[in-house]
C-alpha atoms as a PDB file:
ATOM      1  CA  MET A   1     148.576 209.820 248.094  1.00  0.00           C
ATOM      2  CA  HIS A   2     151.789 209.430 250.122  1.00  0.00           C
ATOM      3  CA  LEU A   3     151.932 211.814 252.989  1.00  0.00           C
ATOM      4  CA  ASP A   4     155.808 211.217 253.421  1.00  0.00           C
ATOM      5  CA  GLN A   5     156.707 213.070 250.177  1.00  0.00           C
ATOM      6  CA  PRO A   6     159.435 215.891 250.763  1.00  0.00           C
ATOM      7  CA  GLU A   7     157.146 218.823 249.171  1.00  0.00           C
ATOM      8  CA  LEU A   8     154.858 218.231 252.584  1.00  0.00           C
ATOM      9  CA  ALA A   9     157.798 218.115 255.009  1.00  0.00           C
ATOM     10  CA  GLU A  10     157.027 222.072 255.733  1.00  0.00           C
ATOM     11  CA  LEU A  11     153.883 220.999 256.405  1.00  0.00           C
ATOM     12  CA  TRP A  12     154.314 218.380 259.360  1.00  0.00           C
ATOM     13  CA  ARG A  13     157.076 220.477 260.550  1.00  0.00           C
ATOM     14  CA  LEU A  14     154.941 223.782 261.161  1.00  0.00           C
ATOM     15  CA  ALA A  15     151.879 221.099 262.244  1.00  0.00           C
ATOM     16  CA  ARG A  16     154.130 219.383 264.925  1.00  0.00           C
ATOM     17  CA  GLU A  17     155.493 222.933 265.954  1.00  0.00           C
ATOM     18  CA  THR A  18     151.875 224.452 266.257  1.00  0.00           C
ATOM     19  CA  LEU A  19     150.472 221.421 268.148  1.00  0.00           C
ATOM     20  CA  GLU A  20     153.463 221.257 270.834  1.00  0.00           C
ATOM     21  CA  GLY A  21     154.029 224.749 270.983  1.00  0.00           C
ATOM     22  CA  GLY A  22     150.139 225.407 272.574  1.00  0.00           C
ATOM     23  CA  GLY A  23     148.107 228.431 272.232  1.00  0.00           C
ATOM     24  CA  ARG A  24     147.548 228.188 268.460  1.00  0.00           C
ATOM     25  CA  SER A  25     145.166 226.380 266.164  1.00  0.00           C
ATOM     26  CA  ALA A  26     146.383 227.030 262.695  1.00  0.00           C
ATOM     27  CA  PHE A  27     149.629 228.132 261.077  1.00  0.00           C
ATOM     28  CA  SER A  28     151.090 229.361 258.066  1.00  0.00           C
ATOM     29  CA  ILE A  29     153.123 228.026 255.451  1.00  0.00           C
ATOM     30  CA  ARG A  30     154.788 229.587 252.690  1.00  0.00           C
ATOM     31  CA  VAL A  31     154.011 227.634 249.093  1.00  0.00           C
ATOM     32  CA  GLU A  32     157.123 228.380 247.024  1.00  0.00           C
ATOM     33  CA  ASP A  33     156.979 226.341 244.316  1.00  0.00           C
ATOM     34  CA  GLU A  34     154.539 223.992 241.759  1.00  0.00           C
ATOM     35  CA  LYS A  35     155.809 220.316 243.202  1.00  0.00           C
ATOM     36  CA  THR A  36     154.549 222.016 246.857  1.00  0.00           C
ATOM     37  CA  ALA A  37     151.825 223.277 245.608  1.00  0.00           C
ATOM     38  CA  ALA A  38     150.253 220.040 243.772  1.00  0.00           C
ATOM     39  CA  ALA A  39     151.337 218.236 247.215  1.00  0.00           C
ATOM     40  CA  LEU A  40     149.081 220.564 249.231  1.00  0.00           C
ATOM     41  CA  SER A  41     145.904 220.455 246.550  1.00  0.00           C
ATOM     42  CA  GLU A  42     146.188 217.027 246.848  1.00  0.00           C
ATOM     43  CA  LEU A  43     145.972 216.367 250.390  1.00  0.00           C
ATOM     44  CA  LEU A  44     143.702 219.450 251.200  1.00  0.00           C
ATOM     45  CA  ARG A  45     141.488 218.717 248.037  1.00  0.00           C
ATOM     46  CA  LYS A  46     141.221 222.247 246.849  1.00  0.00           C
ATOM     47  CA  PRO A  47     143.758 224.397 244.745  1.00  0.00           C
ATOM     48  CA  VAL A  48     146.464 225.895 246.093  1.00  0.00           C
ATOM     49  CA  ALA A  49     148.458 228.550 244.373  1.00  0.00           C
ATOM     50  CA  HIS A  50     152.556 229.288 244.236  1.00  0.00           C
ATOM     51  CA  PRO A  51     153.862 231.723 245.043  1.00  0.00           C
ATOM     52  CA  ALA A  52     151.764 232.426 248.088  1.00  0.00           C
ATOM     53  CA  ARG A  53     150.910 232.033 251.676  1.00  0.00           C
ATOM     54  CA  ARG A  54     148.541 229.492 253.158  1.00  0.00           C
ATOM     55  CA  GLN A  55     147.030 229.828 256.846  1.00  0.00           C
ATOM     56  CA  ILE A  56     146.274 225.904 257.867  1.00  0.00           C
ATOM     57  CA  SER A  57     144.290 224.912 260.772  1.00  0.00           C
ATOM     58  CA  LEU A  58     145.065 222.201 262.751  1.00  0.00           C
ATOM     59  CA  ALA A  59     141.271 220.640 262.618  1.00  0.00           C
ATOM     60  CA  ARG A  60     141.030 220.858 259.154  1.00  0.00           C
ATOM     61  CA  LEU A  61     144.398 219.332 258.412  1.00  0.00           C
ATOM     62  CA  ASP A  62     143.097 216.582 260.682  1.00  0.00           C
ATOM     63  CA  GLU A  63     140.175 216.106 258.835  1.00  0.00           C
ATOM     64  CA  HIS A  64     141.953 216.104 255.697  1.00  0.00           C
ATOM     65  CA  VAL A  65     144.629 213.254 257.260  1.00  0.00           C
ATOM     66  CA  ARG A  66     141.532 210.914 258.423  1.00  0.00           C
ATOM     67  CA  ALA A  67     140.374 210.938 254.737  1.00  0.00           C
ATOM     68  CA  HIS A  68     143.504 209.149 254.076  1.00  0.00           C
ATOM     69  CA  GLY A  69     143.545 206.251 256.862  1.00  0.00           C
ATOM     70  CA  SER A  70     145.248 208.459 259.685  1.00  0.00           C
ATOM     71  CA  THR A  71     144.981 210.618 262.268  1.00  0.00           C
ATOM     72  CA  LEU A  72     147.298 213.949 262.225  1.00  0.00           C
ATOM     73  CA  THR A  73     149.159 213.120 265.260  1.00  0.00           C
ATOM     74  CA  GLU A  74     149.992 209.544 263.638  1.00  0.00           C
ATOM     75  CA  VAL A  75     151.194 210.770 260.994  1.00  0.00           C
ATOM     76  CA  LEU A  76     153.666 213.082 262.893  1.00  0.00           C
ATOM     77  CA  GLU A  77     154.852 210.265 265.034  1.00  0.00           C
ATOM     78  CA  ALA A  78     155.320 207.854 262.026  1.00  0.00           C
ATOM     79  CA  LEU A  79     157.308 210.682 260.411  1.00  0.00           C
ATOM     80  CA  HIS A  80     159.587 212.392 262.877  1.00  0.00           C
ATOM     81  CA  GLY A  81     159.942 209.341 264.952  1.00  0.00           C
ATOM     82  CA  LYS A  82     158.817 210.296 268.126  1.00  0.00           C
ATOM     83  CA  PRO A  83     155.719 210.994 270.365  1.00  0.00           C
ATOM     84  CA  ILE A  84     154.089 214.626 270.326  1.00  0.00           C
ATOM     85  CA  GLY A  85     155.473 215.819 273.812  1.00  0.00           C
ATOM     86  CA  MET A  86     152.932 218.795 275.842  1.00  0.00           C
ATOM     87  CA  SER A  87     153.096 220.002 278.778  1.00  0.00           C
ATOM     88  CA  THR A  88     150.154 219.864 280.952  1.00  0.00           C
ATOM     89  CA  THR A  89     149.945 223.761 280.548  1.00  0.00           C
ATOM     90  CA  GLU A  90     150.430 223.815 276.731  1.00  0.00           C
ATOM     91  CA  GLU A  91     147.870 221.151 276.396  1.00  0.00           C
ATOM     92  CA  ALA A  92     145.323 223.480 278.119  1.00  0.00           C
ATOM     93  CA  SER A  93     146.223 226.500 276.422  1.00  0.00           C
ATOM     94  CA  THR A  94     146.246 224.653 273.098  1.00  0.00           C
ATOM     95  CA  ALA A  95     142.907 222.972 273.941  1.00  0.00           C
ATOM     96  CA  ASP A  96     140.731 226.441 274.316  1.00  0.00           C
ATOM     97  CA  ALA A  97     142.251 227.509 271.515  1.00  0.00           C
ATOM     98  CA  VAL A  98     141.378 224.476 269.469  1.00  0.00           C
ATOM     99  CA  LEU A  99     138.210 224.745 270.547  1.00  0.00           C
ATOM    100  CA  LYS A 100     137.308 228.491 270.197  1.00  0.00           C
ATOM    101  CA  PHE A 101     138.494 228.131 266.721  1.00  0.00           C
ATOM    102  CA  ALA A 102     136.129 225.682 265.749  1.00  0.00           C
ATOM    103  CA  LEU A 103     133.577 227.389 267.407  1.00  0.00           C
ATOM    104  CA  ARG A 104     134.245 230.720 265.787  1.00  0.00           C
ATOM    105  CA  GLU A 105     134.059 228.608 262.204  1.00  0.00           C
ATOM    106  CA  HIS A 106     130.465 227.819 262.952  1.00  0.00           C
ATOM    107  CA  ASN A 107     129.668 231.150 264.085  1.00  0.00           C
ATOM    108  CA  LEU A 108     129.171 229.671 267.599  1.00  0.00           C
ATOM    109  CA  LEU A 109     131.743 231.453 269.611  1.00  0.00           C
ATOM    110  CA  HIS A 110     129.689 234.112 270.894  1.00  0.00           C
ATOM    111  CA  GLU A 111     126.772 232.306 272.055  1.00  0.00           C
ATOM    112  CA  PRO A 112     126.140 232.125 276.500  1.00  0.00           C
ATOM    113  CA  TRP A 113     126.793 228.420 276.654  1.00  0.00           C
ATOM    114  CA  ALA A 114     130.724 228.297 274.421  1.00  0.00           C
ATOM    115  CA  ALA A 115     132.651 229.891 277.737  1.00  0.00           C
ATOM    116  CA  PRO A 116     131.179 227.223 279.795  1.00  0.00           C
ATOM    117  CA  TRP A 117     131.586 224.510 277.234  1.00  0.00           C
ATOM    118  CA  ILE A 118     135.088 225.261 276.305  1.00  0.00           C
ATOM    119  CA  ALA A 119     136.011 224.728 279.984  1.00  0.00           C
ATOM    120  CA  HIS A 120     134.086 221.533 280.417  1.00  0.00           C
ATOM    121  CA  VAL A 121     135.350 220.112 277.739  1.00  0.00           C
ATOM    122  CA  ARG A 122     138.990 220.882 278.143  1.00  0.00           C
ATOM    123  CA  ARG A 123     138.916 219.476 281.868  1.00  0.00           C
ATOM    124  CA  TYR A 124     136.395 216.746 281.894  1.00  0.00           C
ATOM    125  CA  GLY A 125     135.917 215.703 278.132  1.00  0.00           C
ATOM    126  CA  LYS A 126     138.217 213.158 278.166  1.00  0.00           C
ATOM    127  CA  ILE A 127     139.116 213.770 274.638  1.00  0.00           C
ATOM    128  CA  PRO A 128     143.042 212.977 273.912  1.00  0.00           C
ATOM    129  CA  GLN A 129     144.930 216.058 272.661  1.00  0.00           C
ATOM    130  CA  PRO A 130     145.838 214.768 269.304  1.00  0.00           C
ATOM    131  CA  ALA A 131     142.086 213.985 268.535  1.00  0.00           C
ATOM    132  CA  LEU A 132     140.778 217.298 269.714  1.00  0.00           C
ATOM    133  CA  PRO A 133     140.834 219.242 266.761  1.00  0.00           C
ATOM    134  CA  MET A 134     138.801 216.883 264.719  1.00  0.00           C
ATOM    135  CA  LEU A 135     135.885 216.118 267.580  1.00  0.00           C
ATOM    136  CA  ALA A 136     135.833 219.773 268.226  1.00  0.00           C
ATOM    137  CA  ASN A 137     135.175 220.948 264.300  1.00  0.00           C
ATOM    138  CA  GLN A 138     132.474 217.935 264.573  1.00  0.00           C
ATOM    139  CA  ALA A 139     130.928 219.117 267.581  1.00  0.00           C
ATOM    140  CA  ALA A 140     130.773 222.541 266.313  1.00  0.00           C
ATOM    141  CA  GLY A 141     129.003 221.564 262.860  1.00  0.00           C
ATOM    142  CA  VAL A 142     126.511 219.541 265.112  1.00  0.00           C
ATOM    143  CA  LEU A 143     125.468 222.322 267.024  1.00  0.00           C
ATOM    144  CA  GLY A 144     125.479 224.934 264.089  1.00  0.00           C
ATOM    145  CA  LYS A 145     123.077 222.792 262.714  1.00  0.00           C
ATOM    146  CA  LEU A 146     120.112 222.820 265.154  1.00  0.00           C
ATOM    147  CA  GLY A 147     116.985 223.888 264.233  1.00  0.00           C
ATOM    148  CA  PRO A 148     115.296 221.450 261.246  1.00  0.00           C
ATOM    149  CA  THR A 149     114.481 217.938 262.620  1.00  0.00           C
ATOM    150  CA  THR A 150     117.005 215.602 261.676  1.00  0.00           C
ATOM    151  CA  THR A 151     118.727 212.282 263.117  1.00  0.00           C
ATOM    152  CA  ARG A 152     122.372 211.666 264.554  1.00  0.00           C
ATOM    153  CA  PHE A 153     123.394 209.797 261.694  1.00  0.00           C
ATOM    154  CA  ALA A 154     122.204 212.440 259.451  1.00  0.00           C
ATOM    155  CA  LEU A 155     124.555 214.955 261.087  1.00  0.00           C
ATOM    156  CA  ALA A 156     127.502 212.541 262.084  1.00  0.00           C
ATOM    157  CA  GLY A 157     127.306 208.871 260.996  1.00  0.00           C
ATOM    158  CA  ASN A 158     127.787 206.640 263.789  1.00  0.00           C
ATOM    159  CA  ASP A 159     129.796 209.345 265.630  1.00  0.00           C
ATOM    160  CA  LEU A 160     127.102 210.299 267.517  1.00  0.00           C
ATOM    161  CA  ASP A 161     125.934 207.065 268.781  1.00  0.00           C
ATOM    162  CA  ASP A 162     125.692 206.683 272.642  1.00  0.00           C
ATOM    163  CA  GLY A 163     128.868 206.423 274.426  1.00  0.00           C
ATOM    164  CA  ARG A 164     131.093 208.171 271.813  1.00  0.00           C
ATOM    165  CA  PRO A 165     133.314 211.141 272.712  1.00  0.00           C
ATOM    166  CA  LEU A 166     131.476 213.383 269.951  1.00  0.00           C
ATOM    167  CA  THR A 167     128.142 212.349 271.787  1.00  0.00           C
ATOM    168  CA  ARG A 168     129.261 213.490 275.375  1.00  0.00           C
ATOM    169  CA  ILE A 169     130.958 216.968 274.414  1.00  0.00           C
ATOM    170  CA  VAL A 170     127.482 217.916 271.710  1.00  0.00           C
ATOM    171  CA  GLY A 171     125.073 216.373 274.749  1.00  0.00           C
ATOM    172  CA  LYS A 172     127.204 219.014 277.550  1.00  0.00           C
ATOM    173  CA  ALA A 173     126.137 221.666 274.786  1.00  0.00           C
ATOM    174  CA  LEU A 174     122.818 220.901 274.556  1.00  0.00           C
ATOM    175  CA  GLU A 175     122.960 220.972 278.620  1.00  0.00           C
ATOM    176  CA  LEU A 176     124.247 224.065 278.893  1.00  0.00           C
ATOM    177  CA  MET A 177     121.513 225.657 275.996  1.00  0.00           C
ATOM    178  CA  GLY A 178     119.153 223.915 278.656  1.00  0.00           C
ATOM    179  CA  THR A 179     117.692 221.748 276.053  1.00  0.00           C
ATOM    180  CA  THR A 180     117.664 218.086 275.422  1.00  0.00           C
ATOM    181  CA  TRP A 181     118.558 215.980 272.171  1.00  0.00           C
ATOM    182  CA  GLU A 182     115.033 215.621 271.161  1.00  0.00           C
ATOM    183  CA  GLN A 183     114.154 219.034 272.352  1.00  0.00           C
ATOM    184  CA  ALA A 184     116.923 220.363 269.630  1.00  0.00           C
ATOM    185  CA  GLY A 185     115.290 218.387 267.079  1.00  0.00           C
ATOM    186  CA  ILE A 186     118.076 215.413 267.076  1.00  0.00           C
ATOM    187  CA  LEU A 187     116.209 212.431 266.628  1.00  0.00           C
ATOM    188  CA  SER A 188     117.964 208.965 267.507  1.00  0.00           C
ATOM    189  CA  ASP A 189     116.907 207.642 264.238  1.00  0.00           C
ATOM    190  CA  ALA A 190     114.733 208.493 261.402  1.00  0.00           C
ATOM    191  CA  TYR A 191     111.904 205.721 262.129  1.00  0.00           C
ATOM    192  CA  SER A 192     111.586 205.453 266.240  1.00  0.00           C
ATOM    193  CA  ASP A 193     108.279 207.104 267.000  1.00  0.00           C
ATOM    194  CA  PRO A 194     106.104 207.412 263.680  1.00  0.00           C
ATOM    195  CA  VAL A 195     102.987 209.442 263.881  1.00  0.00           C
ATOM    196  CA  LEU A 196     100.330 208.313 262.852  1.00  0.00           C
ATOM    197  CA  THR A 197      97.924 209.976 260.735  1.00  0.00           C
ATOM    198  CA  SER A 198      95.249 209.530 258.290  1.00  0.00           C
ATOM    199  CA  GLN A 199      97.862 208.527 255.342  1.00  0.00           C
ATOM    200  CA  GLY A 200      99.271 205.967 257.890  1.00  0.00           C
ATOM    201  CA  TYR A 201     102.227 206.243 260.217  1.00  0.00           C
ATOM    202  CA  LEU A 202     104.820 208.606 259.081  1.00  0.00           C
ATOM    203  CA  THR A 203     108.361 209.010 260.206  1.00  0.00           C
ATOM    204  CA  LEU A 204     111.128 211.720 259.260  1.00  0.00           C
ATOM    205  CA  ASN A 205     111.491 210.644 255.894  1.00  0.00           C
ATOM    206  CA  ASP A 206     107.754 210.644 255.178  1.00  0.00           C
ATOM    207  CA  THR A 207     105.805 213.809 253.950  1.00  0.00           C
ATOM    208  CA  LEU A 208     102.492 214.814 255.481  1.00  0.00           C
ATOM    209  CA  GLU A 209     100.371 215.412 252.370  1.00  0.00           C
ATOM    210  CA  THR A 210      98.008 218.002 253.526  1.00  0.00           C
ATOM    211  CA  PRO A 211      98.001 221.772 254.169  1.00  0.00           C
ATOM    212  CA  GLU A 212      95.124 222.067 256.806  1.00  0.00           C
ATOM    213  CA  ILE A 213      94.948 218.961 259.548  1.00  0.00           C
ATOM    214  CA  THR A 214      93.142 218.277 262.766  1.00  0.00           C
ATOM    215  CA  VAL A 215      95.681 217.021 265.899  1.00  0.00           C
ATOM    216  CA  VAL A 216      93.620 214.574 268.428  1.00  0.00           C
ATOM    217  CA  ARG A 217      94.620 212.654 271.545  1.00  0.00           C
ATOM    218  CA  SER A 218      92.578 209.304 270.691  1.00  0.00           C
ATOM    219  CA  PRO A 219      93.054 207.025 268.142  1.00  0.00           C
ATOM    220  CA  ARG A 220      88.985 206.209 268.384  1.00  0.00           C
ATOM    221  CA  LEU A 221      88.844 209.382 266.355  1.00  0.00           C
ATOM    222  CA  LEU A 222      90.532 208.008 263.627  1.00  0.00           C
ATOM    223  CA  GLU A 223      88.884 204.894 263.554  1.00  0.00           C
ATOM    224  CA  SER A 224      85.833 206.189 263.681  1.00  0.00           C
ATOM    225  CA  GLY A 225      86.103 208.680 260.650  1.00  0.00           C
ATOM    226  CA  VAL A 226      85.947 212.010 262.435  1.00  0.00           C
ATOM    227  CA  PRO A 227      86.010 214.131 258.952  1.00  0.00           C
ATOM    228  CA  GLY A 228      89.139 215.766 257.558  1.00  0.00           C
ATOM    229  CA  PRO A 229      93.047 214.819 257.577  1.00  0.00           C
ATOM    230  CA  LEU A 230      93.795 213.667 261.514  1.00  0.00           C
ATOM    231  CA  MET A 231      96.781 213.355 263.546  1.00  0.00           C
ATOM    232  CA  VAL A 232      96.889 211.384 266.483  1.00  0.00           C
ATOM    233  CA  LEU A 233      99.454 212.633 269.427  1.00  0.00           C
ATOM    234  CA  PRO A 234      98.609 210.319 272.567  1.00  0.00           C
ATOM    235  CA  THR A 235     101.165 211.768 274.690  1.00  0.00           C
ATOM    236  CA  GLY A 236     101.398 215.365 273.121  1.00  0.00           C
ATOM    237  CA  LEU A 237     103.528 217.102 270.790  1.00  0.00           C
ATOM    238  CA  THR A 238     106.508 214.795 270.018  1.00  0.00           C
ATOM    239  CA  ALA A 239     109.542 215.878 267.751  1.00  0.00           C
ATOM    240  CA  GLN A 240     108.713 213.926 264.909  1.00  0.00           C
ATOM    241  CA  ALA A 241     104.944 215.513 265.190  1.00  0.00           C
ATOM    242  CA  LYS A 242     106.706 218.830 265.282  1.00  0.00           C
ATOM    243  CA  HIS A 243     108.466 218.273 262.032  1.00  0.00           C
ATOM    244  CA  HIS A 244     105.283 217.285 260.449  1.00  0.00           C
ATOM    245  CA  LEU A 245     103.169 219.952 261.943  1.00  0.00           C
ATOM    246  CA  LYS A 246     105.566 222.783 260.905  1.00  0.00           C
ATOM    247  CA  GLY A 247     103.971 225.317 258.162  1.00  0.00           C
ATOM    248  CA  LYS A 248     100.493 223.457 258.564  1.00  0.00           C
ATOM    249  CA  GLU A 249      96.946 224.918 259.343  1.00  0.00           C
ATOM    250  CA  VAL A 250      96.322 223.468 262.751  1.00  0.00           C
ATOM    251  CA  ARG A 251      92.945 222.949 265.024  1.00  0.00           C
ATOM    252  CA  CYS A 252      93.602 220.551 267.870  1.00  0.00           C
ATOM    253  CA  HIS A 253      91.057 218.595 270.189  1.00  0.00           C
ATOM    254  CA  ASN A 254      92.077 216.859 273.325  1.00  0.00           C
ATOM    255  CA  ASP A 255      90.832 215.492 276.605  1.00  0.00           C
ATOM    256  CA  PHE A 256      89.366 217.940 278.863  1.00  0.00           C
ATOM    257  CA  THR A 257      91.915 216.805 281.683  1.00  0.00           C
ATOM    258  CA  PRO A 258      95.058 218.990 282.813  1.00  0.00           C
ATOM    259  CA  ASP A 259      97.540 216.625 280.619  1.00  0.00           C
ATOM    260  CA  GLY A 260      94.734 217.205 277.864  1.00  0.00           C
ATOM    261  CA  ILE A 261      94.757 221.356 278.367  1.00  0.00           C
ATOM    262  CA  ARG A 262      99.035 220.812 279.009  1.00  0.00           C
ATOM    263  CA  ALA A 263      98.759 219.409 275.110  1.00  0.00           C
ATOM    264  CA  THR A 264      96.774 221.392 273.840  1.00  0.00           C
ATOM    265  CA  ASN A 265      98.457 224.607 274.923  1.00  0.00           C
ATOM    266  CA  GLU A 266     102.014 223.183 273.854  1.00  0.00           C
ATOM    267  CA  ILE A 267     100.428 222.462 270.125  1.00  0.00           C
ATOM    268  CA  LEU A 268      98.809 225.352 269.664  1.00  0.00           C
ATOM    269  CA  ALA A 269     102.066 227.344 270.804  1.00  0.00           C
ATOM    270  CA  TRP A 270     104.149 225.768 268.507  1.00  0.00           C
ATOM    271  CA  THR A 271     102.077 225.556 265.404  1.00  0.00           C
ATOM    272  CA  GLY A 272     100.056 228.829 265.947  1.00  0.00           C
ATOM    273  CA  GLY A 273      96.938 226.638 265.484  1.00  0.00           C
ATOM    274  CA  THR A 274      93.407 227.161 267.056  1.00  0.00           C
ATOM    275  CA  ALA A 275      91.402 224.910 269.746  1.00  0.00           C
ATOM    276  CA  TRP A 276      88.431 222.579 268.221  1.00  0.00           C
ATOM    277  CA  ARG A 277      85.689 222.165 270.467  1.00  0.00           C
ATOM    278  CA  MET A 278      87.476 222.679 273.339  1.00  0.00           C
ATOM    279  CA  SER A 279      85.803 226.180 274.976  1.00  0.00           C
ATOM    280  CA  ALA A 280      84.204 226.241 278.714  1.00  0.00           C
ATOM    281  CA  ASN A 281      80.964 225.904 277.064  1.00  0.00           C
ATOM    282  CA  ASP A 282      81.675 222.559 274.680  1.00  0.00           C
ATOM    283  CA  TYR A 283      82.781 221.227 278.348  1.00  0.00           C
ATOM    284  CA  ARG A 284      79.772 222.435 280.202  1.00  0.00           C
ATOM    285  CA  GLU A 285      77.492 221.215 277.435  1.00  0.00           C
ATOM    286  CA  ALA A 286      79.466 217.506 277.388  1.00  0.00           C
ATOM    287  CA  VAL A 287      79.243 217.475 281.192  1.00  0.00           C
ATOM    288  CA  THR A 288      75.193 217.805 280.937  1.00  0.00           C
ATOM    289  CA  THR A 289      74.566 215.036 278.143  1.00  0.00           C
ATOM    290  CA  LEU A 290      76.820 212.827 279.504  1.00  0.00           C
ATOM    291  CA  ILE A 291      75.530 212.835 282.995  1.00  0.00           C
ATOM    292  CA  ALA A 292      71.869 212.979 281.561  1.00  0.00           C
ATOM    293  CA  ARG A 293      72.880 209.578 279.735  1.00  0.00           C
ATOM    294  CA  SER A 294      74.138 207.565 283.202  1.00  0.00           C
ATOM    295  CA  VAL A 295      77.886 208.199 281.880  1.00  0.00           C
ATOM    296  CA  ASP A 296      79.793 207.697 284.905  1.00  0.00           C
ATOM    297  CA  LEU A 297      82.689 210.459 284.573  1.00  0.00           C
ATOM    298  CA  PRO A 298      86.061 210.069 286.623  1.00  0.00           C
ATOM    299  CA  THR A 299      86.638 212.787 288.821  1.00  0.00           C
ATOM    300  CA  LEU A 300      88.949 215.481 288.140  1.00  0.00           C
ATOM    301  CA  ASN A 301      91.922 215.279 290.820  1.00  0.00           C
ATOM    302  CA  SER A 302      94.042 218.539 290.100  1.00  0.00           C
ATOM    303  CA  ARG A 303      93.123 221.992 288.623  1.00  0.00           C
ATOM    304  CA  PRO A 304      94.270 221.820 284.806  1.00  0.00           C
ATOM    305  CA  GLU A 305      96.828 224.832 283.845  1.00  0.00           C
ATOM    306  CA  GLU A 306      95.031 227.867 282.099  1.00  0.00           C
ATOM    307  CA  ALA A 307      94.301 227.207 278.424  1.00  0.00           C
ATOM    308  CA  SER A 308      95.260 229.872 276.163  1.00  0.00           C
ATOM    309  CA  TRP A 309      92.259 229.979 273.961  1.00  0.00           C
ATOM    310  CA  ASP A 310      89.942 230.228 276.387  1.00  0.00           C
ATOM    311  CA  PRO A 311      90.528 231.846 280.102  1.00  0.00           C
ATOM    312  CA  ASP A 312      87.026 230.444 281.521  1.00  0.00           C
ATOM    313  CA  LEU A 313      87.891 226.893 280.844  1.00  0.00           C
ATOM    314  CA  ALA A 314      90.477 225.815 283.402  1.00  0.00           C
ATOM    315  CA  ARG A 315      88.240 227.589 286.462  1.00  0.00           C
ATOM    316  CA  THR A 316      84.954 225.833 284.889  1.00  0.00           C
ATOM    317  CA  MET A 317      86.766 222.199 285.178  1.00  0.00           C
ATOM    318  CA  ALA A 318      88.039 223.228 288.925  1.00  0.00           C
ATOM    319  CA  THR A 319      84.337 223.743 289.683  1.00  0.00           C
ATOM    320  CA  THR A 320      82.708 220.771 288.058  1.00  0.00           C
ATOM    321  CA  GLY A 321      85.644 218.317 288.971  1.00  0.00           C
ATOM    322  CA  LEU A 322      84.968 216.099 286.025  1.00  0.00           C
ATOM    323  CA  VAL A 323      87.258 214.447 283.404  1.00  0.00           C
ATOM    324  CA  VAL A 324      85.406 214.463 279.807  1.00  0.00           C
ATOM    325  CA  THR A 325      87.665 212.165 277.240  1.00  0.00           C
ATOM    326  CA  GLU A 326      87.271 212.652 273.492  1.00  0.00           C
ATOM    327  CA  GLU A 327      85.942 209.100 273.631  1.00  0.00           C
ATOM    328  CA  HIS A 328      82.772 210.400 275.909  1.00  0.00           C
ATOM    329  CA  VAL A 329      82.248 213.059 273.046  1.00  0.00           C
ATOM    330  CA  LEU A 330      82.952 210.880 270.171  1.00  0.00           C
ATOM    331  CA  SER A 331      79.707 210.951 268.913  1.00  0.00           C
ATOM    332  CA  SER A 332      79.723 215.102 268.928  1.00  0.00           C
ATOM    333  CA  LEU A 333      82.908 215.231 266.816  1.00  0.00           C
ATOM    334  CA  LEU A 334      81.616 213.263 263.989  1.00  0.00           C
END
């Protein structure tokens, strides 16, 4: 469509007045006739009635203009023949209003991190004023979708690549929430760090086809044919693993080491699952059997955290002072 058609002149005048005036993120326009209604309908990609009064968000208007290959600021400067002019005070006031409007649209304005995030983006976000409405709306949209595991590309295409403005301000919000990209379920892509299972390696785009699964640490258990569907997590619970374990009935086995106890605690807390062959008695029996077979067991150098499934396990391991790995007890798990 032609953005310079006379039916849109009042829209552009009000948009410029609002952008330069400071303190507001939207304006109201009176739609008096059919031609104006038709032009607005085409630009906004939704029916516009007449006569009527329409509320226009600067952020949404910028989105619609970008669909035609320009930014709102570029259109206004080209149509009016002069740059957008704002004082520092006006810019600050308008930035606050734009950011608040974007968060409000996604029901995020009253989150504990919202106020410090607004202050940070306005002062240190390095976002040019004309680009702020679009970026604020994009960021709020991303932050409003946290929960299910997804990827940066699925949320915002290439705009969440490292170094991009959107990445900076979304990353700051995550920091203020006390979380990270991966902890928030936002992966760099769908294919990195796939999860090894009995079905093979699964990516974010695959489905784990079983209602029940045993989670272990060592690939040797999978190689040796431990019965039942298995998931192998050598370094503990990952974002990909969280995605595939959600809603599954889980039992978990790991090493009798500090890392093994920590990983098992985390997996059981996430899944509501149960420990398998991981009690203090299982540990004592394994140590006794392995020593009788002249197996050299490594020394336990630090006390593990308390095991959520057995309050005696950490004390028993600390008193005995020996490490037992999954490989050590492989035959008893078959």
